Amino acid sequence: MERKKTLMASLVLFCISTIGCLYASDIYVFIFFRLLQGLSGAGGVVISKSIATDLYEGRELTRFFSMLSSVQGIARLCPRIGGVYWK
C-alpha cells in the first residue's frame, strides 16, 4: 500500500510539473519544471516495476516484464510514426 501512495504522489508531481512547463515564464523556470518532470516520471517507472515484483513471481513475473518491455518498445515508436504521418 505504501508503494501505491508513492506512485500516486509521483504521478501527481509529474502532472503538476507538466502544467508548470506549459506556463513557464522563461527558460530557467521551464528547465526547472522539466527536471522535476523527469525525476517524477522516473520515479513512476521504478515504483511500478517494484509493485510488479510484489504482485508476481517466477514465470508470471517474467511474462509481465516481457509484456511491459514490448509495450515500452512500441510506445517509443509512436512519436516517430506520428511525426512521419503529419509531415
C-alpha atoms as a PDB file:
ATOM      1  CA  MET A   1       0.000   0.000   0.000  1.00  0.00           C
ATOM      2  CA  GLU A   2       2.911   2.322   0.715  1.00  0.00           C
ATOM      3  CA  ARG A   3       4.262   1.932  -2.819  1.00  0.00           C
ATOM      4  CA  LYS A   4       0.891   2.777  -4.287  1.00  0.00           C
ATOM      5  CA  LYS A   5       0.840   6.059  -2.349  1.00  0.00           C
ATOM      6  CA  THR A   6       4.360   6.851  -3.536  1.00  0.00           C
ATOM      7  CA  LEU A   7       3.401   6.015  -7.127  1.00  0.00           C
ATOM      8  CA  MET A   8       0.345   8.265  -6.932  1.00  0.00           C
ATOM      9  CA  ALA A   9       2.443  11.088  -5.431  1.00  0.00           C
ATOM     10  CA  SER A  10       4.918  10.690  -8.291  1.00  0.00           C
ATOM     11  CA  LEU A  11       2.074  10.855 -10.813  1.00  0.00           C
ATOM     12  CA  VAL A  12       0.612  13.992  -9.211  1.00  0.00           C
ATOM     13  CA  LEU A  13       4.043  15.643  -9.148  1.00  0.00           C
ATOM     14  CA  PHE A  14       4.509  14.725 -12.808  1.00  0.00           C
ATOM     15  CA  CYS A  15       1.162  16.344 -13.724  1.00  0.00           C
ATOM     16  CA  ILE A  16       1.939  19.487 -11.726  1.00  0.00           C
ATOM     17  CA  SER A  17       5.375  19.804 -13.319  1.00  0.00           C
ATOM     18  CA  THR A  18       3.827  19.350 -16.776  1.00  0.00           C
ATOM     19  CA  ILE A  19       1.445  22.225 -16.081  1.00  0.00           C
ATOM     20  CA  GLY A  20       4.434  24.211 -14.806  1.00  0.00           C
ATOM     21  CA  CYS A  21       6.202  23.584 -18.120  1.00  0.00           C
ATOM     22  CA  LEU A  22       3.166  24.849 -20.006  1.00  0.00           C
ATOM     23  CA  TYR A  23       3.012  28.106 -18.076  1.00  0.00           C
ATOM     24  CA  ALA A  24       6.747  28.755 -17.617  1.00  0.00           C
ATOM     25  CA  SER A  25       7.579  32.430 -17.916  1.00  0.00           C
ATOM     26  CA  ASP A  26      11.178  31.955 -19.049  1.00  0.00           C
ATOM     27  CA  ILE A  27      13.630  29.222 -19.992  1.00  0.00           C
ATOM     28  CA  TYR A  28      15.017  28.805 -16.445  1.00  0.00           C
ATOM     29  CA  VAL A  29      11.602  28.121 -14.963  1.00  0.00           C
ATOM     30  CA  PHE A  30      10.893  25.751 -17.846  1.00  0.00           C
ATOM     31  CA  ILE A  31      14.143  23.846 -17.235  1.00  0.00           C
ATOM     32  CA  PHE A  32      13.325  23.564 -13.524  1.00  0.00           C
ATOM     33  CA  PHE A  33       9.886  22.097 -14.210  1.00  0.00           C
ATOM     34  CA  ARG A  34      11.299  19.839 -16.925  1.00  0.00           C
ATOM     35  CA  LEU A  35      13.868  18.484 -14.446  1.00  0.00           C
ATOM     36  CA  LEU A  36      11.105  17.909 -11.908  1.00  0.00           C
ATOM     37  CA  GLN A  37       9.048  16.201 -14.614  1.00  0.00           C
ATOM     38  CA  GLY A  38      11.912  13.855 -15.453  1.00  0.00           C
ATOM     39  CA  LEU A  39      12.564  12.924 -11.842  1.00  0.00           C
ATOM     40  CA  SER A  40       8.926  12.246 -11.071  1.00  0.00           C
ATOM     41  CA  GLY A  41       8.483  10.289 -14.298  1.00  0.00           C
ATOM     42  CA  ALA A  42      11.499   8.123 -13.489  1.00  0.00           C
ATOM     43  CA  GLY A  43      10.091   7.509 -10.023  1.00  0.00           C
ATOM     44  CA  GLY A  44       6.914   6.213 -11.570  1.00  0.00           C
ATOM     45  CA  VAL A  45       8.789   3.730 -13.745  1.00  0.00           C
ATOM     46  CA  VAL A  46      10.848   2.367 -10.860  1.00  0.00           C
ATOM     47  CA  ILE A  47       7.959   2.131  -8.407  1.00  0.00           C
ATOM     48  CA  SER A  48       5.666   0.433 -10.928  1.00  0.00           C
ATOM     49  CA  LYS A  49       8.303  -2.259 -11.510  1.00  0.00           C
ATOM     50  CA  SER A  50       8.649  -2.716  -7.756  1.00  0.00           C
ATOM     51  CA  ILE A  51       4.895  -3.181  -7.445  1.00  0.00           C
ATOM     52  CA  ALA A  52       5.080  -5.836 -10.169  1.00  0.00           C
ATOM     53  CA  THR A  53       7.733  -7.754  -8.219  1.00  0.00           C
ATOM     54  CA  ASP A  54       5.450  -7.622  -5.178  1.00  0.00           C
ATOM     55  CA  LEU A  55       2.464  -8.990  -7.100  1.00  0.00           C
ATOM     56  CA  TYR A  56       4.116 -11.642  -9.289  1.00  0.00           C
ATOM     57  CA  GLU A  57       6.922 -14.146  -9.027  1.00  0.00           C
ATOM     58  CA  GLY A  58       8.540 -16.765 -11.191  1.00  0.00           C
ATOM     59  CA  ARG A  59       7.045 -17.313 -14.624  1.00  0.00           C
ATOM     60  CA  GLU A  60       4.269 -14.752 -14.132  1.00  0.00           C
ATOM     61  CA  LEU A  61       6.822 -12.048 -13.340  1.00  0.00           C
ATOM     62  CA  THR A  62       8.835 -12.970 -16.430  1.00  0.00           C
ATOM     63  CA  ARG A  63       5.711 -12.778 -18.592  1.00  0.00           C
ATOM     64  CA  PHE A  64       4.729  -9.432 -17.094  1.00  0.00           C
ATOM     65  CA  PHE A  65       8.142  -7.865 -17.726  1.00  0.00           C
ATOM     66  CA  SER A  66       8.167  -9.296 -21.243  1.00  0.00           C
ATOM     67  CA  MET A  67       4.805  -7.679 -21.961  1.00  0.00           C
ATOM     68  CA  LEU A  68       5.942  -4.424 -20.333  1.00  0.00           C
ATOM     69  CA  SER A  69       9.091  -4.328 -22.479  1.00  0.00           C
ATOM     70  CA  SER A  70       7.037  -4.913 -25.614  1.00  0.00           C
ATOM     71  CA  VAL A  71       4.660  -2.078 -24.772  1.00  0.00           C
ATOM     72  CA  GLN A  72       7.529   0.278 -23.963  1.00  0.00           C
ATOM     73  CA  GLY A  73       9.226  -0.615 -27.251  1.00  0.00           C
ATOM     74  CA  ILE A  74       6.088   0.142 -29.233  1.00  0.00           C
ATOM     75  CA  ALA A  75       5.441   3.342 -27.280  1.00  0.00           C
ATOM     76  CA  ARG A  76       8.865   4.669 -28.261  1.00  0.00           C
ATOM     77  CA  LEU A  77       7.931   4.370 -31.933  1.00  0.00           C
ATOM     78  CA  CYS A  78       4.699   6.367 -31.633  1.00  0.00           C
ATOM     79  CA  PRO A  79       6.238   9.869 -31.797  1.00  0.00           C
ATOM     80  CA  ARG A  80       8.270   8.848 -34.835  1.00  0.00           C
ATOM     81  CA  ILE A  81       5.262   7.385 -36.587  1.00  0.00           C
ATOM     82  CA  GLY A  82       3.182  10.456 -35.753  1.00  0.00           C
ATOM     83  CA  GLY A  83       5.956  12.737 -36.997  1.00  0.00           C
ATOM     84  CA  VAL A  84       6.108  10.932 -40.327  1.00  0.00           C
ATOM     85  CA  TYR A  85       2.333  10.869 -40.610  1.00  0.00           C
ATOM     86  CA  TRP A  86       1.822  14.593 -40.031  1.00  0.00           C
ATOM     87  CA  LYS A  87       4.617  15.854 -42.325  1.00  0.00           C
END
